[in-house]
């Protein structure tokens, strides 16, 4: 993928699906029993940290890379 638009077109539908699932499960009057098990809670925590932690690290990498590029062109 060569441009920011390409990344946007790939990540936005994924983000929309994740938000939709969070809202729909969160709005249920009675949540399914499998969501209350210890393994699912641990997996959910790991996925949350993995996605957002990974996103933060990738963003930090590209911010530093862009900063160095701007300094080089100064």
PDB file of N, CA and C in Angstrom:
ATOM      1  N   UNK A   1       0.839  -1.171   0.000  1.00  0.00           N
ATOM      2  CA  UNK A   1       0.000   0.000   0.000  1.00  0.00           C
ATOM      3  C   UNK A   1       0.886   1.237   0.000  1.00  0.00           C
ATOM      4  N   UNK A   2       0.583   2.111  -0.913  1.00  0.00           N
ATOM      5  CA  UNK A   2       1.518   3.202  -1.141  1.00  0.00           C
ATOM      6  C   UNK A   2       1.077   4.532  -0.556  1.00  0.00           C
ATOM      7  N   UNK A   3      -0.159   4.663  -0.186  1.00  0.00           N
ATOM      8  CA  UNK A   3      -0.584   5.972   0.286  1.00  0.00           C
ATOM      9  C   UNK A   3      -1.399   5.849   1.567  1.00  0.00           C
ATOM     10  N   UNK A   4      -1.612   7.007   2.195  1.00  0.00           N
ATOM     11  CA  UNK A   4      -2.412   7.033   3.406  1.00  0.00           C
ATOM     12  C   UNK A   4      -3.857   6.635   3.101  1.00  0.00           C
ATOM     13  N   UNK A   5      -4.332   6.966   1.927  1.00  0.00           N
ATOM     14  CA  UNK A   5      -5.705   6.618   1.551  1.00  0.00           C
ATOM     15  C   UNK A   5      -5.892   5.104   1.518  1.00  0.00           C
ATOM     16  N   UNK A   6      -4.886   4.386   1.019  1.00  0.00           N
ATOM     17  CA  UNK A   6      -4.965   2.921   0.982  1.00  0.00           C
ATOM     18  C   UNK A   6      -5.092   2.351   2.391  1.00  0.00           C
ATOM     19  N   UNK A   7      -4.286   2.856   3.326  1.00  0.00           N
ATOM     20  CA  UNK A   7      -4.350   2.383   4.708  1.00  0.00           C
ATOM     21  C   UNK A   7      -5.708   2.706   5.309  1.00  0.00           C
ATOM     22  N   UNK A   8      -6.230   3.898   5.005  1.00  0.00           N
ATOM     23  CA  UNK A   8      -7.536   4.301   5.515  1.00  0.00           C
ATOM     24  C   UNK A   8      -8.621   3.357   5.010  1.00  0.00           C
ATOM     25  N   UNK A   9      -8.558   3.006   3.736  1.00  0.00           N
ATOM     26  CA  UNK A   9      -9.575   2.135   3.144  1.00  0.00           C
ATOM     27  C   UNK A   9      -9.519   0.723   3.737  1.00  0.00           C
ATOM     28  N   UNK A  10      -8.368   0.292   4.208  1.00  0.00           N
ATOM     29  CA  UNK A  10      -8.249  -1.036   4.803  1.00  0.00           C
ATOM     30  C   UNK A  10      -8.635  -1.007   6.278  1.00  0.00           C
ATOM     31  N   UNK A  11      -8.173  -0.012   7.006  1.00  0.00           N
ATOM     32  CA  UNK A  11      -8.371  -0.016   8.456  1.00  0.00           C
ATOM     33  C   UNK A  11      -9.751   0.471   8.884  1.00  0.00           C
ATOM     34  N   UNK A  12     -10.376   1.358   8.151  1.00  0.00           N
ATOM     35  CA  UNK A  12     -11.666   1.895   8.585  1.00  0.00           C
ATOM     36  C   UNK A  12     -12.774   0.836   8.642  1.00  0.00           C
ATOM     37  N   UNK A  13     -12.919  -0.052   7.648  1.00  0.00           N
ATOM     38  CA  UNK A  13     -13.954  -1.095   7.790  1.00  0.00           C
ATOM     39  C   UNK A  13     -13.686  -2.012   8.983  1.00  0.00           C
ATOM     40  N   UNK A  14     -12.428  -2.336   9.244  1.00  0.00           N
ATOM     41  CA  UNK A  14     -12.094  -3.181  10.394  1.00  0.00           C
ATOM     42  C   UNK A  14     -12.473  -2.461  11.684  1.00  0.00           C
ATOM     43  N   UNK A  15     -12.112  -1.179  11.775  1.00  0.00           N
ATOM     44  CA  UNK A  15     -12.445  -0.375  12.943  1.00  0.00           C
ATOM     45  C   UNK A  15     -13.959  -0.291  13.125  1.00  0.00           C
ATOM     46  N   UNK A  16     -14.689  -0.104  12.036  1.00  0.00           N
ATOM     47  CA  UNK A  16     -16.150   0.001  12.108  1.00  0.00           C
ATOM     48  C   UNK A  16     -16.773  -1.304  12.605  1.00  0.00           C
ATOM     49  N   UNK A  17     -16.271  -2.436  12.153  1.00  0.00           N
ATOM     50  CA  UNK A  17     -16.796  -3.734  12.590  1.00  0.00           C
ATOM     51  C   UNK A  17     -16.526  -3.942  14.078  1.00  0.00           C
ATOM     52  N   UNK A  18     -15.326  -3.600  14.529  1.00  0.00           N
ATOM     53  CA  UNK A  18     -14.981  -3.755  15.945  1.00  0.00           C
ATOM     54  C   UNK A  18     -15.871  -2.870  16.808  1.00  0.00           C
ATOM     55  N   UNK A  19     -16.061  -1.625  16.407  1.00  0.00           N
ATOM     56  CA  UNK A  19     -16.922  -0.711  17.176  1.00  0.00           C
ATOM     57  C   UNK A  19     -18.360  -1.224  17.181  1.00  0.00           C
ATOM     58  N   UNK A  20     -18.830  -1.708  16.050  1.00  0.00           N
ATOM     59  CA  UNK A  20     -20.186  -2.258  15.963  1.00  0.00           C
ATOM     60  C   UNK A  20     -20.366  -3.428  16.942  1.00  0.00           C
ATOM     61  N   UNK A  21     -19.384  -4.343  16.965  1.00  0.00           N
ATOM     62  CA  UNK A  21     -19.474  -5.484  17.872  1.00  0.00           C
ATOM     63  C   UNK A  21     -19.464  -5.041  19.327  1.00  0.00           C
ATOM     64  N   UNK A  22     -18.610  -4.073  19.672  1.00  0.00           N
ATOM     65  CA  UNK A  22     -18.554  -3.580  21.046  1.00  0.00           C
ATOM     66  C   UNK A  22     -19.891  -2.969  21.448  1.00  0.00           C
ATOM     67  N   UNK A  23     -20.453  -2.151  20.579  1.00  0.00           N
ATOM     68  CA  UNK A  23     -21.728  -1.489  20.895  1.00  0.00           C
ATOM     69  C   UNK A  23     -22.854  -2.509  21.000  1.00  0.00           C
ATOM     70  N   UNK A  24     -22.921  -3.456  20.073  1.00  0.00           N
ATOM     71  CA  UNK A  24     -24.018  -4.418  20.081  1.00  0.00           C
ATOM     72  C   UNK A  24     -23.938  -5.356  21.283  1.00  0.00           C
ATOM     73  N   UNK A  25     -22.765  -5.839  21.631  1.00  0.00           N
ATOM     74  CA  UNK A  25     -22.632  -6.721  22.788  1.00  0.00           C
ATOM     75  C   UNK A  25     -22.849  -5.931  24.072  1.00  0.00           C
ATOM     76  N   UNK A  26     -22.338  -4.707  24.114  1.00  0.00           N
ATOM     77  CA  UNK A  26     -22.500  -3.877  25.307  1.00  0.00           C
ATOM     78  C   UNK A  26     -23.937  -3.470  25.559  1.00  0.00           C
ATOM     79  N   UNK A  27     -24.739  -3.374  24.513  1.00  0.00           N
ATOM     80  CA  UNK A  27     -26.125  -2.941  24.681  1.00  0.00           C
ATOM     81  C   UNK A  27     -27.079  -4.098  24.965  1.00  0.00           C
ATOM     82  N   UNK A  28     -26.562  -5.321  24.954  1.00  0.00           N
ATOM     83  CA  UNK A  28     -27.425  -6.471  25.242  1.00  0.00           C
ATOM     84  C   UNK A  28     -27.864  -6.429  26.707  1.00  0.00           C
ATOM     85  N   UNK A  29     -29.127  -6.737  26.929  1.00  0.00           N
ATOM     86  CA  UNK A  29     -29.638  -6.709  28.305  1.00  0.00           C
ATOM     87  C   UNK A  29     -28.962  -7.786  29.149  1.00  0.00           C
ATOM     88  N   UNK A  30     -28.782  -8.942  28.564  1.00  0.00           N
ATOM     89  CA  UNK A  30     -28.121 -10.040  29.265  1.00  0.00           C
ATOM     90  C   UNK A  30     -27.008 -10.563  28.366  1.00  0.00           C
ATOM     91  N   UNK A  31     -25.792 -10.429  28.810  1.00  0.00           N
ATOM     92  CA  UNK A  31     -24.668 -10.856  27.977  1.00  0.00           C
ATOM     93  C   UNK A  31     -24.553 -12.374  27.969  1.00  0.00           C
ATOM     94  N   UNK A  32     -24.027 -12.916  26.864  1.00  0.00           N
ATOM     95  CA  UNK A  32     -23.842 -14.374  26.799  1.00  0.00           C
ATOM     96  C   UNK A  32     -22.896 -14.863  27.895  1.00  0.00           C
ATOM     97  N   UNK A  33     -23.136 -16.077  28.374  1.00  0.00           N
ATOM     98  CA  UNK A  33     -22.348 -16.630  29.492  1.00  0.00           C
ATOM     99  C   UNK A  33     -20.875 -16.809  29.133  1.00  0.00           C
ATOM    100  N   UNK A  34     -20.572 -17.118  27.873  1.00  0.00           N
ATOM    101  CA  UNK A  34     -19.174 -17.373  27.509  1.00  0.00           C
ATOM    102  C   UNK A  34     -18.315 -16.114  27.644  1.00  0.00           C
ATOM    103  N   UNK A  35     -18.933 -14.929  27.635  1.00  0.00           N
ATOM    104  CA  UNK A  35     -18.169 -13.694  27.795  1.00  0.00           C
ATOM    105  C   UNK A  35     -17.716 -13.475  29.229  1.00  0.00           C
ATOM    106  N   UNK A  36     -18.323 -14.203  30.166  1.00  0.00           N
ATOM    107  CA  UNK A  36     -17.982 -14.033  31.575  1.00  0.00           C
ATOM    108  C   UNK A  36     -16.886 -14.982  32.039  1.00  0.00           C
ATOM    109  N   UNK A  37     -16.468 -15.914  31.198  1.00  0.00           N
ATOM    110  CA  UNK A  37     -15.445 -16.865  31.616  1.00  0.00           C
ATOM    111  C   UNK A  37     -14.076 -16.188  31.699  1.00  0.00           C
ATOM    112  N   UNK A  38     -13.217 -16.761  32.516  1.00  0.00           N
ATOM    113  CA  UNK A  38     -11.900 -16.160  32.774  1.00  0.00           C
ATOM    114  C   UNK A  38     -11.026 -16.138  31.527  1.00  0.00           C
ATOM    115  N   UNK A  39     -11.085 -17.190  30.722  1.00  0.00           N
ATOM    116  CA  UNK A  39     -10.268 -17.260  29.513  1.00  0.00           C
ATOM    117  C   UNK A  39     -10.623 -16.184  28.496  1.00  0.00           C
ATOM    118  N   UNK A  40     -11.919 -15.919  28.349  1.00  0.00           N
ATOM    119  CA  UNK A  40     -12.369 -14.899  27.396  1.00  0.00           C
ATOM    120  C   UNK A  40     -11.955 -13.516  27.878  1.00  0.00           C
ATOM    121  N   UNK A  41     -12.048 -13.270  29.185  1.00  0.00           N
ATOM    122  CA  UNK A  41     -11.625 -11.976  29.730  1.00  0.00           C
ATOM    123  C   UNK A  41     -10.135 -11.757  29.504  1.00  0.00           C
ATOM    124  N   UNK A  42      -9.349 -12.801  29.712  1.00  0.00           N
ATOM    125  CA  UNK A  42      -7.908 -12.702  29.513  1.00  0.00           C
ATOM    126  C   UNK A  42      -7.585 -12.481  28.035  1.00  0.00           C
ATOM    127  N   UNK A  43      -8.267 -13.211  27.155  1.00  0.00           N
ATOM    128  CA  UNK A  43      -8.057 -13.063  25.715  1.00  0.00           C
ATOM    129  C   UNK A  43      -8.459 -11.661  25.243  1.00  0.00           C
ATOM    130  N   UNK A  44      -9.579 -11.162  25.760  1.00  0.00           N
ATOM    131  CA  UNK A  44     -10.033  -9.818  25.398  1.00  0.00           C
ATOM    132  C   UNK A  44      -9.010  -8.772  25.826  1.00  0.00           C
ATOM    133  N   UNK A  45      -8.465  -8.934  27.022  1.00  0.00           N
ATOM    134  CA  UNK A  45      -7.430  -8.013  27.501  1.00  0.00           C
ATOM    135  C   UNK A  45      -6.190  -8.052  26.626  1.00  0.00           C
ATOM    136  N   UNK A  46      -5.771  -9.250  26.251  1.00  0.00           N
ATOM    137  CA  UNK A  46      -4.583  -9.388  25.401  1.00  0.00           C
ATOM    138  C   UNK A  46      -4.815  -8.784  24.016  1.00  0.00           C
ATOM    139  N   UNK A  47      -5.987  -9.011  23.448  1.00  0.00           N
ATOM    140  CA  UNK A  47      -6.300  -8.456  22.134  1.00  0.00           C
ATOM    141  C   UNK A  47      -6.341  -6.927  22.203  1.00  0.00           C
ATOM    142  N   UNK A  48      -6.952  -6.395  23.270  1.00  0.00           N
ATOM    143  CA  UNK A  48      -7.027  -4.946  23.451  1.00  0.00           C
ATOM    144  C   UNK A  48      -5.631  -4.337  23.541  1.00  0.00           C
ATOM    145  N   UNK A  49      -4.795  -4.919  24.394  1.00  0.00           N
ATOM    146  CA  UNK A  49      -3.423  -4.412  24.556  1.00  0.00           C
ATOM    147  C   UNK A  49      -2.639  -4.603  23.269  1.00  0.00           C
ATOM    148  N   UNK A  50      -2.827  -5.736  22.603  1.00  0.00           N
ATOM    149  CA  UNK A  50      -2.106  -5.999  21.358  1.00  0.00           C
ATOM    150  C   UNK A  50      -2.457  -5.014  20.262  1.00  0.00           C
ATOM    151  N   UNK A  51      -3.743  -4.776  20.071  1.00  0.00           N
ATOM    152  CA  UNK A  51      -4.171  -3.859  19.007  1.00  0.00           C
ATOM    153  C   UNK A  51      -3.750  -2.426  19.293  1.00  0.00           C
ATOM    154  N   UNK A  52      -4.110  -1.939  20.474  1.00  0.00           N
ATOM    155  CA  UNK A  52      -3.822  -0.546  20.773  1.00  0.00           C
ATOM    156  C   UNK A  52      -2.341  -0.329  21.067  1.00  0.00           C
ATOM    157  N   UNK A  53      -1.716  -1.265  21.767  1.00  0.00           N
ATOM    158  CA  UNK A  53      -0.279  -1.148  22.025  1.00  0.00           C
ATOM    159  C   UNK A  53       0.516  -1.223  20.732  1.00  0.00           C
ATOM    160  N   UNK A  54       0.129  -2.152  19.861  1.00  0.00           N
ATOM    161  CA  UNK A  54       0.795  -2.254  18.560  1.00  0.00           C
ATOM    162  C   UNK A  54       0.595  -1.009  17.720  1.00  0.00           C
ATOM    163  N   UNK A  55      -0.633  -0.488  17.744  1.00  0.00           N
ATOM    164  CA  UNK A  55      -0.914   0.750  17.009  1.00  0.00           C
ATOM    165  C   UNK A  55      -0.106   1.922  17.515  1.00  0.00           C
ATOM    166  N   UNK A  56       0.040   2.010  18.836  1.00  0.00           N
ATOM    167  CA  UNK A  56       0.844   3.092  19.422  1.00  0.00           C
ATOM    168  C   UNK A  56       2.302   2.955  19.010  1.00  0.00           C
ATOM    169  N   UNK A  57       2.833   1.743  19.059  1.00  0.00           N
ATOM    170  CA  UNK A  57       4.236   1.534  18.686  1.00  0.00           C
ATOM    171  C   UNK A  57       4.479   1.835  17.206  1.00  0.00           C
ATOM    172  N   UNK A  58       3.571   1.397  16.355  1.00  0.00           N
ATOM    173  CA  UNK A  58       3.713   1.668  14.925  1.00  0.00           C
ATOM    174  C   UNK A  58       3.610   3.161  14.651  1.00  0.00           C
ATOM    175  N   UNK A  59       2.666   3.832  15.300  1.00  0.00           N
ATOM    176  CA  UNK A  59       2.526   5.280  15.126  1.00  0.00           C
ATOM    177  C   UNK A  59       3.766   6.013  15.613  1.00  0.00           C
ATOM    178  N   UNK A  60       4.292   5.590  16.751  1.00  0.00           N
ATOM    179  CA  UNK A  60       5.503   6.215  17.290  1.00  0.00           C
ATOM    180  C   UNK A  60       6.675   6.037  16.332  1.00  0.00           C
ATOM    181  N   UNK A  61       6.811   4.834  15.770  1.00  0.00           N
ATOM    182  CA  UNK A  61       7.885   4.570  14.812  1.00  0.00           C
ATOM    183  C   UNK A  61       7.790   5.514  13.607  1.00  0.00           C
ATOM    184  N   UNK A  62       6.583   5.628  13.034  1.00  0.00           N
ATOM    185  CA  UNK A  62       6.430   6.484  11.859  1.00  0.00           C
ATOM    186  C   UNK A  62       6.538   7.964  12.192  1.00  0.00           C
ATOM    187  N   UNK A  63       6.151   8.366  13.407  1.00  0.00           N
ATOM    188  CA  UNK A  63       6.334   9.768  13.813  1.00  0.00           C
ATOM    189  C   UNK A  63       7.822  10.106  13.908  1.00  0.00           C
ATOM    190  N   UNK A  64       8.585   9.201  14.516  1.00  0.00           N
ATOM    191  CA  UNK A  64      10.027   9.429  14.627  1.00  0.00           C
ATOM    192  C   UNK A  64      10.675   9.424  13.246  1.00  0.00           C
ATOM    193  N   UNK A  65      10.265   8.488  12.405  1.00  0.00           N
ATOM    194  CA  UNK A  65      10.797   8.418  11.042  1.00  0.00           C
ATOM    195  C   UNK A  65      10.492   9.697  10.267  1.00  0.00           C
ATOM    196  N   UNK A  66       9.277  10.184  10.374  1.00  0.00           N
ATOM    197  CA  UNK A  66       8.884  11.426   9.691  1.00  0.00           C
ATOM    198  C   UNK A  66       9.639  12.629  10.257  1.00  0.00           C
ATOM    199  N   UNK A  67       9.848  12.658  11.577  1.00  0.00           N
ATOM    200  CA  UNK A  67      10.593  13.741  12.213  1.00  0.00           C
ATOM    201  C   UNK A  67      12.035  13.777  11.707  1.00  0.00           C
ATOM    202  N   UNK A  68      12.658  12.610  11.625  1.00  0.00           N
ATOM    203  CA  UNK A  68      14.035  12.538  11.120  1.00  0.00           C
ATOM    204  C   UNK A  68      14.082  12.965   9.660  1.00  0.00           C
ATOM    205  N   UNK A  69      13.079  12.558   8.883  1.00  0.00           N
ATOM    206  CA  UNK A  69      13.007  12.963   7.478  1.00  0.00           C
ATOM    207  C   UNK A  69      12.865  14.481   7.351  1.00  0.00           C
ATOM    208  N   UNK A  70      12.033  15.081   8.200  1.00  0.00           N
ATOM    209  CA  UNK A  70      11.886  16.535   8.173  1.00  0.00           C
ATOM    210  C   UNK A  70      13.178  17.241   8.570  1.00  0.00           C
ATOM    211  N   UNK A  71      13.870  16.691   9.571  1.00  0.00           N
ATOM    212  CA  UNK A  71      15.166  17.279   9.964  1.00  0.00           C
ATOM    213  C   UNK A  71      16.191  17.161   8.833  1.00  0.00           C
ATOM    214  N   UNK A  72      16.175  16.042   8.143  1.00  0.00           N
ATOM    215  CA  UNK A  72      17.134  15.833   7.047  1.00  0.00           C
ATOM    216  C   UNK A  72      16.878  16.806   5.904  1.00  0.00           C
ATOM    217  N   UNK A  73      15.615  17.155   5.672  1.00  0.00           N
ATOM    218  CA  UNK A  73      15.283  18.074   4.588  1.00  0.00           C
ATOM    219  C   UNK A  73      15.345  19.545   5.002  1.00  0.00           C
ATOM    220  N   UNK A  74      15.630  19.815   6.252  1.00  0.00           N
ATOM    221  CA  UNK A  74      15.691  21.173   6.743  1.00  0.00           C
ATOM    222  C   UNK A  74      16.954  21.789   6.281  1.00  0.00           C
TER     223      UNK A  74
END
